[in-house]
Amino acid sequence: MKIKYTLKFKSICPSDKDIIDYKAIIHSNGRNFTLVEDIKKFVENFEKEEHFQEDITQLLADQFQGKVVTYGTHQGVKIKCVIK
């Protein structure tokens, strides 16, 4: 079974302290599912901490063991990160 989780969250940019809105898509590995509550709890601290988008993408991929795509816009530049 393939499952795709799509969520929105915020984080603080370490470079200029700007608050960035992110969208993430987490693809399940096909062997199990993830509780929505676990995803929400995991990203909750991103709003209080400084992270680069690339690091957030890696953290999500490590935690949920699947392909992760994140989207963000920083200073007018749209950024897409993918970890398979």
PDB file of N, CA and C in Angstrom:
ATOM      1  N   MET A   1       0.847  -1.177   0.000  1.00  0.00           N
ATOM      2  CA  MET A   1       0.000   0.000   0.000  1.00  0.00           C
ATOM      3  C   MET A   1       0.890   1.238   0.000  1.00  0.00           C
ATOM      4  N   LYS A   2       0.556   2.178  -0.843  1.00  0.00           N
ATOM      5  CA  LYS A   2       1.281   3.450  -0.899  1.00  0.00           C
ATOM      6  C   LYS A   2       0.411   4.534  -0.267  1.00  0.00           C
ATOM      7  N   ILE A   3       1.018   5.309   0.617  1.00  0.00           N
ATOM      8  CA  ILE A   3       0.306   6.397   1.290  1.00  0.00           C
ATOM      9  C   ILE A   3       1.139   7.663   1.136  1.00  0.00           C
ATOM     10  N   LYS A   4       0.450   8.781   0.914  1.00  0.00           N
ATOM     11  CA  LYS A   4       1.113  10.082   0.793  1.00  0.00           C
ATOM     12  C   LYS A   4       0.510  11.015   1.832  1.00  0.00           C
ATOM     13  N   TYR A   5       1.362  11.576   2.672  1.00  0.00           N
ATOM     14  CA  TYR A   5       0.948  12.531   3.700  1.00  0.00           C
ATOM     15  C   TYR A   5       1.415  13.922   3.266  1.00  0.00           C
ATOM     16  N   THR A   6       0.515  14.882   3.237  1.00  0.00           N
ATOM     17  CA  THR A   6       0.864  16.253   2.869  1.00  0.00           C
ATOM     18  C   THR A   6       0.549  17.164   4.049  1.00  0.00           C
ATOM     19  N   LEU A   7       1.509  17.996   4.424  1.00  0.00           N
ATOM     20  CA  LEU A   7       1.296  18.871   5.576  1.00  0.00           C
ATOM     21  C   LEU A   7       1.988  20.206   5.368  1.00  0.00           C
ATOM     22  N   LYS A   8       1.579  21.177   6.160  1.00  0.00           N
ATOM     23  CA  LYS A   8       2.185  22.510   6.149  1.00  0.00           C
ATOM     24  C   LYS A   8       2.675  22.809   7.559  1.00  0.00           C
ATOM     25  N   PHE A   9       3.791  23.526   7.629  1.00  0.00           N
ATOM     26  CA  PHE A   9       4.355  23.922   8.919  1.00  0.00           C
ATOM     27  C   PHE A   9       5.291  25.096   8.684  1.00  0.00           C
ATOM     28  N   LYS A  10       5.830  25.633   9.759  1.00  0.00           N
ATOM     29  CA  LYS A  10       6.742  26.784   9.691  1.00  0.00           C
ATOM     30  C   LYS A  10       8.052  26.436  10.381  1.00  0.00           C
ATOM     31  N   SER A  11       9.089  27.153  10.025  1.00  0.00           N
ATOM     32  CA  SER A  11      10.360  27.056  10.734  1.00  0.00           C
ATOM     33  C   SER A  11      11.095  28.384  10.588  1.00  0.00           C
ATOM     34  N   ILE A  12      12.096  28.573  11.409  1.00  0.00           N
ATOM     35  CA  ILE A  12      12.885  29.797  11.413  1.00  0.00           C
ATOM     36  C   ILE A  12      14.161  29.566  10.610  1.00  0.00           C
ATOM     37  N   CYS A  13      14.447  30.458   9.680  1.00  0.00           N
ATOM     38  CA  CYS A  13      15.664  30.360   8.885  1.00  0.00           C
ATOM     39  C   CYS A  13      16.868  30.774   9.733  1.00  0.00           C
ATOM     40  N   PRO A  14      17.898  29.948   9.805  1.00  0.00           N
ATOM     41  CA  PRO A  14      19.085  30.306  10.593  1.00  0.00           C
ATOM     42  C   PRO A  14      19.847  31.514  10.035  1.00  0.00           C
ATOM     43  N   SER A  15      19.724  31.774   8.742  1.00  0.00           N
ATOM     44  CA  SER A  15      20.498  32.863   8.124  1.00  0.00           C
ATOM     45  C   SER A  15      19.971  34.241   8.485  1.00  0.00           C
ATOM     46  N   ASP A  16      18.651  34.438   8.310  1.00  0.00           N
ATOM     47  CA  ASP A  16      18.108  35.780   8.536  1.00  0.00           C
ATOM     48  C   ASP A  16      16.963  35.821   9.548  1.00  0.00           C
ATOM     49  N   LYS A  17      16.702  34.697  10.179  1.00  0.00           N
ATOM     50  CA  LYS A  17      15.661  34.563  11.222  1.00  0.00           C
ATOM     51  C   LYS A  17      14.248  34.777  10.676  1.00  0.00           C
ATOM     52  N   ASP A  18      14.083  34.724   9.366  1.00  0.00           N
ATOM     53  CA  ASP A  18      12.770  34.836   8.744  1.00  0.00           C
ATOM     54  C   ASP A  18      11.963  33.570   9.043  1.00  0.00           C
ATOM     55  N   ILE A  19      10.671  33.722   9.204  1.00  0.00           N
ATOM     56  CA  ILE A  19       9.802  32.567   9.409  1.00  0.00           C
ATOM     57  C   ILE A  19       9.343  32.086   8.036  1.00  0.00           C
ATOM     58  N   ILE A  20       9.656  30.837   7.734  1.00  0.00           N
ATOM     59  CA  ILE A  20       9.380  30.268   6.425  1.00  0.00           C
ATOM     60  C   ILE A  20       8.206  29.298   6.525  1.00  0.00           C
ATOM     61  N   ASP A  21       7.270  29.418   5.586  1.00  0.00           N
ATOM     62  CA  ASP A  21       6.172  28.464   5.461  1.00  0.00           C
ATOM     63  C   ASP A  21       6.630  27.327   4.557  1.00  0.00           C
ATOM     64  N   TYR A  22       6.441  26.107   5.021  1.00  0.00           N
ATOM     65  CA  TYR A  22       6.831  24.936   4.255  1.00  0.00           C
ATOM     66  C   TYR A  22       5.634  24.048   3.975  1.00  0.00           C
ATOM     67  N   LYS A  23       5.758  23.319   2.893  1.00  0.00           N
ATOM     68  CA  LYS A  23       4.832  22.234   2.578  1.00  0.00           C
ATOM     69  C   LYS A  23       5.709  20.998   2.432  1.00  0.00           C
ATOM     70  N   ALA A  24       5.281  19.896   3.027  1.00  0.00           N
ATOM     71  CA  ALA A  24       6.031  18.647   2.909  1.00  0.00           C
ATOM     72  C   ALA A  24       5.098  17.543   2.452  1.00  0.00           C
ATOM     73  N   ILE A  25       5.645  16.664   1.637  1.00  0.00           N
ATOM     74  CA  ILE A  25       4.938  15.454   1.228  1.00  0.00           C
ATOM     75  C   ILE A  25       5.804  14.282   1.648  1.00  0.00           C
ATOM     76  N   ILE A  26       5.235  13.420   2.471  1.00  0.00           N
ATOM     77  CA  ILE A  26       5.924  12.232   2.958  1.00  0.00           C
ATOM     78  C   ILE A  26       5.261  11.028   2.296  1.00  0.00           C
ATOM     79  N   HIS A  27       6.055  10.255   1.583  1.00  0.00           N
ATOM     80  CA  HIS A  27       5.557   9.051   0.927  1.00  0.00           C
ATOM     81  C   HIS A  27       5.919   7.850   1.795  1.00  0.00           C
ATOM     82  N   SER A  28       4.935   7.004   2.081  1.00  0.00           N
ATOM     83  CA  SER A  28       5.220   5.821   2.888  1.00  0.00           C
ATOM     84  C   SER A  28       6.104   4.872   2.099  1.00  0.00           C
ATOM     85  N   ASN A  29       6.780   4.004   2.824  1.00  0.00           N
ATOM     86  CA  ASN A  29       7.646   3.036   2.162  1.00  0.00           C
ATOM     87  C   ASN A  29       6.854   1.833   1.655  1.00  0.00           C
ATOM     88  N   GLY A  30       5.550   1.850   1.840  1.00  0.00           N
ATOM     89  CA  GLY A  30       4.711   0.777   1.335  1.00  0.00           C
ATOM     90  C   GLY A  30       4.513  -0.378   2.291  1.00  0.00           C
ATOM     91  N   ARG A  31       5.253  -0.407   3.388  1.00  0.00           N
ATOM     92  CA  ARG A  31       5.154  -1.518   4.338  1.00  0.00           C
ATOM     93  C   ARG A  31       4.321  -1.195   5.569  1.00  0.00           C
ATOM     94  N   ASN A  32       4.193   0.074   5.873  1.00  0.00           N
ATOM     95  CA  ASN A  32       3.425   0.439   7.066  1.00  0.00           C
ATOM     96  C   ASN A  32       2.874   1.849   6.904  1.00  0.00           C
ATOM     97  N   PHE A  33       2.077   2.266   7.860  1.00  0.00           N
ATOM     98  CA  PHE A  33       1.524   3.614   7.827  1.00  0.00           C
ATOM     99  C   PHE A  33       2.012   4.375   9.046  1.00  0.00           C
ATOM    100  N   THR A  34       1.839   5.692   8.993  1.00  0.00           N
ATOM    101  CA  THR A  34       2.266   6.570  10.066  1.00  0.00           C
ATOM    102  C   THR A  34       1.045   7.287  10.616  1.00  0.00           C
ATOM    103  N   LEU A  35       0.969   7.402  11.916  1.00  0.00           N
ATOM    104  CA  LEU A  35      -0.128   8.147  12.526  1.00  0.00           C
ATOM    105  C   LEU A  35       0.057   9.639  12.261  1.00  0.00           C
ATOM    106  N   VAL A  36      -1.018  10.291  11.887  1.00  0.00           N
ATOM    107  CA  VAL A  36      -0.983  11.731  11.653  1.00  0.00           C
ATOM    108  C   VAL A  36      -0.491  12.457  12.902  1.00  0.00           C
ATOM    109  N   GLU A  37      -0.900  11.980  14.046  1.00  0.00           N
ATOM    110  CA  GLU A  37      -0.487  12.606  15.306  1.00  0.00           C
ATOM    111  C   GLU A  37       1.036  12.560  15.482  1.00  0.00           C
ATOM    112  N   ASP A  38       1.661  11.486  15.016  1.00  0.00           N
ATOM    113  CA  ASP A  38       3.118  11.380  15.108  1.00  0.00           C
ATOM    114  C   ASP A  38       3.807  12.384  14.189  1.00  0.00           C
ATOM    115  N   ILE A  39       3.241  12.584  13.005  1.00  0.00           N
ATOM    116  CA  ILE A  39       3.809  13.567  12.082  1.00  0.00           C
ATOM    117  C   ILE A  39       3.680  14.970  12.663  1.00  0.00           C
ATOM    118  N   LYS A  40       2.492  15.313  13.139  1.00  0.00           N
ATOM    119  CA  LYS A  40       2.254  16.645  13.707  1.00  0.00           C
ATOM    120  C   LYS A  40       3.180  16.908  14.892  1.00  0.00           C
ATOM    121  N   LYS A  41       3.340  15.922  15.756  1.00  0.00           N
ATOM    122  CA  LYS A  41       4.201  16.089  16.927  1.00  0.00           C
ATOM    123  C   LYS A  41       5.658  16.295  16.499  1.00  0.00           C
ATOM    124  N   PHE A  42       6.093  15.574  15.474  1.00  0.00           N
ATOM    125  CA  PHE A  42       7.472  15.687  15.021  1.00  0.00           C
ATOM    126  C   PHE A  42       7.781  17.074  14.463  1.00  0.00           C
ATOM    127  N   VAL A  43       6.879  17.653  13.682  1.00  0.00           N
ATOM    128  CA  VAL A  43       7.150  18.963  13.073  1.00  0.00           C
ATOM    129  C   VAL A  43       6.836  20.131  14.008  1.00  0.00           C
ATOM    130  N   GLU A  44       6.185  19.850  15.107  1.00  0.00           N
ATOM    131  CA  GLU A  44       5.777  20.905  16.047  1.00  0.00           C
ATOM    132  C   GLU A  44       6.949  21.781  16.486  1.00  0.00           C
ATOM    133  N   ASN A  45       8.076  21.196  16.773  1.00  0.00           N
ATOM    134  CA  ASN A  45       9.223  21.964  17.269  1.00  0.00           C
ATOM    135  C   ASN A  45       9.926  22.760  16.187  1.00  0.00           C
ATOM    136  N   PHE A  46       9.690  22.442  14.915  1.00  0.00           N
ATOM    137  CA  PHE A  46      10.310  23.206  13.840  1.00  0.00           C
ATOM    138  C   PHE A  46       9.916  24.683  13.924  1.00  0.00           C
ATOM    139  N   GLU A  47       8.723  24.963  14.442  1.00  0.00           N
ATOM    140  CA  GLU A  47       8.264  26.352  14.534  1.00  0.00           C
ATOM    141  C   GLU A  47       9.034  27.151  15.572  1.00  0.00           C
ATOM    142  N   LYS A  48       9.705  26.465  16.482  1.00  0.00           N
ATOM    143  CA  LYS A  48      10.422  27.138  17.566  1.00  0.00           C
ATOM    144  C   LYS A  48      11.932  27.096  17.364  1.00  0.00           C
ATOM    145  N   GLU A  49      12.377  26.359  16.348  1.00  0.00           N
ATOM    146  CA  GLU A  49      13.807  26.148  16.146  1.00  0.00           C
ATOM    147  C   GLU A  49      14.247  26.676  14.782  1.00  0.00           C
ATOM    148  N   GLU A  50      15.545  26.891  14.653  1.00  0.00           N
ATOM    149  CA  GLU A  50      16.123  27.329  13.387  1.00  0.00           C
ATOM    150  C   GLU A  50      16.595  26.106  12.607  1.00  0.00           C
ATOM    151  N   HIS A  51      16.138  26.011  11.354  1.00  0.00           N
ATOM    152  CA  HIS A  51      16.523  24.892  10.497  1.00  0.00           C
ATOM    153  C   HIS A  51      16.596  25.356   9.050  1.00  0.00           C
ATOM    154  N   PHE A  52      17.554  24.836   8.327  1.00  0.00           N
ATOM    155  CA  PHE A  52      17.560  24.998   6.881  1.00  0.00           C
ATOM    156  C   PHE A  52      16.604  23.975   6.291  1.00  0.00           C
ATOM    157  N   GLN A  53      16.021  24.285   5.158  1.00  0.00           N
ATOM    158  CA  GLN A  53      15.056  23.389   4.524  1.00  0.00           C
ATOM    159  C   GLN A  53      15.676  22.025   4.220  1.00  0.00           C
ATOM    160  N   GLU A  54      16.907  22.035   3.784  1.00  0.00           N
ATOM    161  CA  GLU A  54      17.576  20.772   3.460  1.00  0.00           C
ATOM    162  C   GLU A  54      17.661  19.861   4.684  1.00  0.00           C
ATOM    163  N   ASP A  55      17.923  20.459   5.848  1.00  0.00           N
ATOM    164  CA  ASP A  55      17.999  19.676   7.085  1.00  0.00           C
ATOM    165  C   ASP A  55      16.631  19.149   7.499  1.00  0.00           C
ATOM    166  N   ILE A  56      15.605  19.973   7.348  1.00  0.00           N
ATOM    167  CA  ILE A  56      14.244  19.538   7.674  1.00  0.00           C
ATOM    168  C   ILE A  56      13.863  18.339   6.807  1.00  0.00           C
ATOM    169  N   THR A  57      14.175  18.421   5.529  1.00  0.00           N
ATOM    170  CA  THR A  57      13.841  17.341   4.612  1.00  0.00           C
ATOM    171  C   THR A  57      14.525  16.043   5.047  1.00  0.00           C
ATOM    172  N   GLN A  58      15.789  16.134   5.404  1.00  0.00           N
ATOM    173  CA  GLN A  58      16.525  14.951   5.852  1.00  0.00           C
ATOM    174  C   GLN A  58      15.963  14.403   7.157  1.00  0.00           C
ATOM    175  N   LEU A  59      15.636  15.279   8.094  1.00  0.00           N
ATOM    176  CA  LEU A  59      15.059  14.831   9.369  1.00  0.00           C
ATOM    177  C   LEU A  59      13.746  14.085   9.155  1.00  0.00           C
ATOM    178  N   LEU A  60      12.899  14.609   8.275  1.00  0.00           N
ATOM    179  CA  LEU A  60      11.622  13.939   7.982  1.00  0.00           C
ATOM    180  C   LEU A  60      11.856  12.579   7.332  1.00  0.00           C
ATOM    181  N   ALA A  61      12.793  12.517   6.388  1.00  0.00           N
ATOM    182  CA  ALA A  61      13.087  11.242   5.713  1.00  0.00           C
ATOM    183  C   ALA A  61      13.640  10.218   6.697  1.00  0.00           C
ATOM    184  N   ASP A  62      14.513  10.653   7.588  1.00  0.00           N
ATOM    185  CA  ASP A  62      15.068   9.740   8.597  1.00  0.00           C
ATOM    186  C   ASP A  62      13.994   9.239   9.554  1.00  0.00           C
ATOM    187  N   GLN A  63      13.120  10.136   9.985  1.00  0.00           N
ATOM    188  CA  GLN A  63      12.094   9.775  10.965  1.00  0.00           C
ATOM    189  C   GLN A  63      11.030   8.849  10.384  1.00  0.00           C
ATOM    190  N   PHE A  64      10.598   9.121   9.154  1.00  0.00           N
ATOM    191  CA  PHE A  64       9.443   8.404   8.613  1.00  0.00           C
ATOM    192  C   PHE A  64       9.806   7.401   7.522  1.00  0.00           C
ATOM    193  N   GLN A  65      11.088   7.233   7.252  1.00  0.00           N
ATOM    194  CA  GLN A  65      11.589   6.155   6.394  1.00  0.00           C
ATOM    195  C   GLN A  65      10.900   6.062   5.042  1.00  0.00           C
ATOM    196  N   GLY A  66      10.809   7.182   4.373  1.00  0.00           N
ATOM    197  CA  GLY A  66      10.222   7.187   3.042  1.00  0.00           C
ATOM    198  C   GLY A  66      10.728   8.371   2.253  1.00  0.00           C
ATOM    199  N   LYS A  67      10.255   8.481   1.038  1.00  0.00           N
ATOM    200  CA  LYS A  67      10.604   9.631   0.201  1.00  0.00           C
ATOM    201  C   LYS A  67       9.936  10.875   0.776  1.00  0.00           C
ATOM    202  N   VAL A  68      10.677  11.977   0.825  1.00  0.00           N
ATOM    203  CA  VAL A  68      10.147  13.242   1.330  1.00  0.00           C
ATOM    204  C   VAL A  68      10.470  14.348   0.334  1.00  0.00           C
ATOM    205  N   VAL A  69       9.467  15.168   0.073  1.00  0.00           N
ATOM    206  CA  VAL A  69       9.645  16.350  -0.768  1.00  0.00           C
ATOM    207  C   VAL A  69       9.172  17.548   0.054  1.00  0.00           C
ATOM    208  N   THR A  70      10.004  18.584   0.145  1.00  0.00           N
ATOM    209  CA  THR A  70       9.590  19.806   0.832  1.00  0.00           C
ATOM    210  C   THR A  70       9.641  20.970  -0.152  1.00  0.00           C
ATOM    211  N   TYR A  71       8.735  21.922   0.084  1.00  0.00           N
ATOM    212  CA  TYR A  71       8.643  23.137  -0.717  1.00  0.00           C
ATOM    213  C   TYR A  71       8.660  24.325   0.231  1.00  0.00           C
ATOM    214  N   GLY A  72       9.428  25.334  -0.120  1.00  0.00           N
ATOM    215  CA  GLY A  72       9.456  26.557   0.664  1.00  0.00           C
ATOM    216  C   GLY A  72       9.796  27.731  -0.236  1.00  0.00           C
ATOM    217  N   THR A  73       9.491  28.931   0.241  1.00  0.00           N
ATOM    218  CA  THR A  73       9.876  30.139  -0.483  1.00  0.00           C
ATOM    219  C   THR A  73      10.629  31.033   0.493  1.00  0.00           C
ATOM    220  N   HIS A  74      11.859  31.381   0.133  1.00  0.00           N
ATOM    221  CA  HIS A  74      12.696  32.192   1.000  1.00  0.00           C
ATOM    222  C   HIS A  74      13.224  33.373   0.197  1.00  0.00           C
ATOM    223  N   GLN A  75      12.881  34.557   0.645  1.00  0.00           N
ATOM    224  CA  GLN A  75      13.273  35.799  -0.019  1.00  0.00           C
ATOM    225  C   GLN A  75      12.886  35.769  -1.507  1.00  0.00           C
ATOM    226  N   GLY A  76      11.712  35.241  -1.791  1.00  0.00           N
ATOM    227  CA  GLY A  76      11.199  35.211  -3.148  1.00  0.00           C
ATOM    228  C   GLY A  76      11.706  34.063  -4.006  1.00  0.00           C
ATOM    229  N   VAL A  77      12.577  33.225  -3.448  1.00  0.00           N
ATOM    230  CA  VAL A  77      13.130  32.091  -4.183  1.00  0.00           C
ATOM    231  C   VAL A  77      12.402  30.819  -3.756  1.00  0.00           C
ATOM    232  N   LYS A  78      11.782  30.142  -4.730  1.00  0.00           N
ATOM    233  CA  LYS A  78      11.094  28.889  -4.439  1.00  0.00           C
ATOM    234  C   LYS A  78      12.115  27.766  -4.399  1.00  0.00           C
ATOM    235  N   ILE A  79      12.011  26.934  -3.343  1.00  0.00           N
ATOM    236  CA  ILE A  79      12.969  25.853  -3.138  1.00  0.00           C
ATOM    237  C   ILE A  79      12.215  24.533  -3.009  1.00  0.00           C
ATOM    238  N   LYS A  80      12.728  23.519  -3.686  1.00  0.00           N
ATOM    239  CA  LYS A  80      12.168  22.169  -3.588  1.00  0.00           C
ATOM    240  C   LYS A  80      13.318  21.240  -3.231  1.00  0.00           C
ATOM    241  N   CYS A  81      13.146  20.480  -2.156  1.00  0.00           N
ATOM    242  CA  CYS A  81      14.147  19.486  -1.741  1.00  0.00           C
ATOM    243  C   CYS A  81      13.509  18.109  -1.799  1.00  0.00           C
ATOM    244  N   VAL A  82      14.267  17.137  -2.287  1.00  0.00           N
ATOM    245  CA  VAL A  82      13.778  15.763  -2.395  1.00  0.00           C
ATOM    246  C   VAL A  82      14.801  14.817  -1.796  1.00  0.00           C
ATOM    247  N   ILE A  83      14.316  13.925  -0.939  1.00  0.00           N
ATOM    248  CA  ILE A  83      15.153  12.842  -0.402  1.00  0.00           C
ATOM    249  C   ILE A  83      14.400  11.550  -0.654  1.00  0.00           C
ATOM    250  N   LYS A  84      15.044  10.620  -1.345  1.00  0.00           N
ATOM    251  CA  LYS A  84      14.372   9.361  -1.704  1.00  0.00           C
ATOM    252  C   LYS A  84      14.702   8.269  -0.739  1.00  0.00           C
TER     253      LYS A  84
END
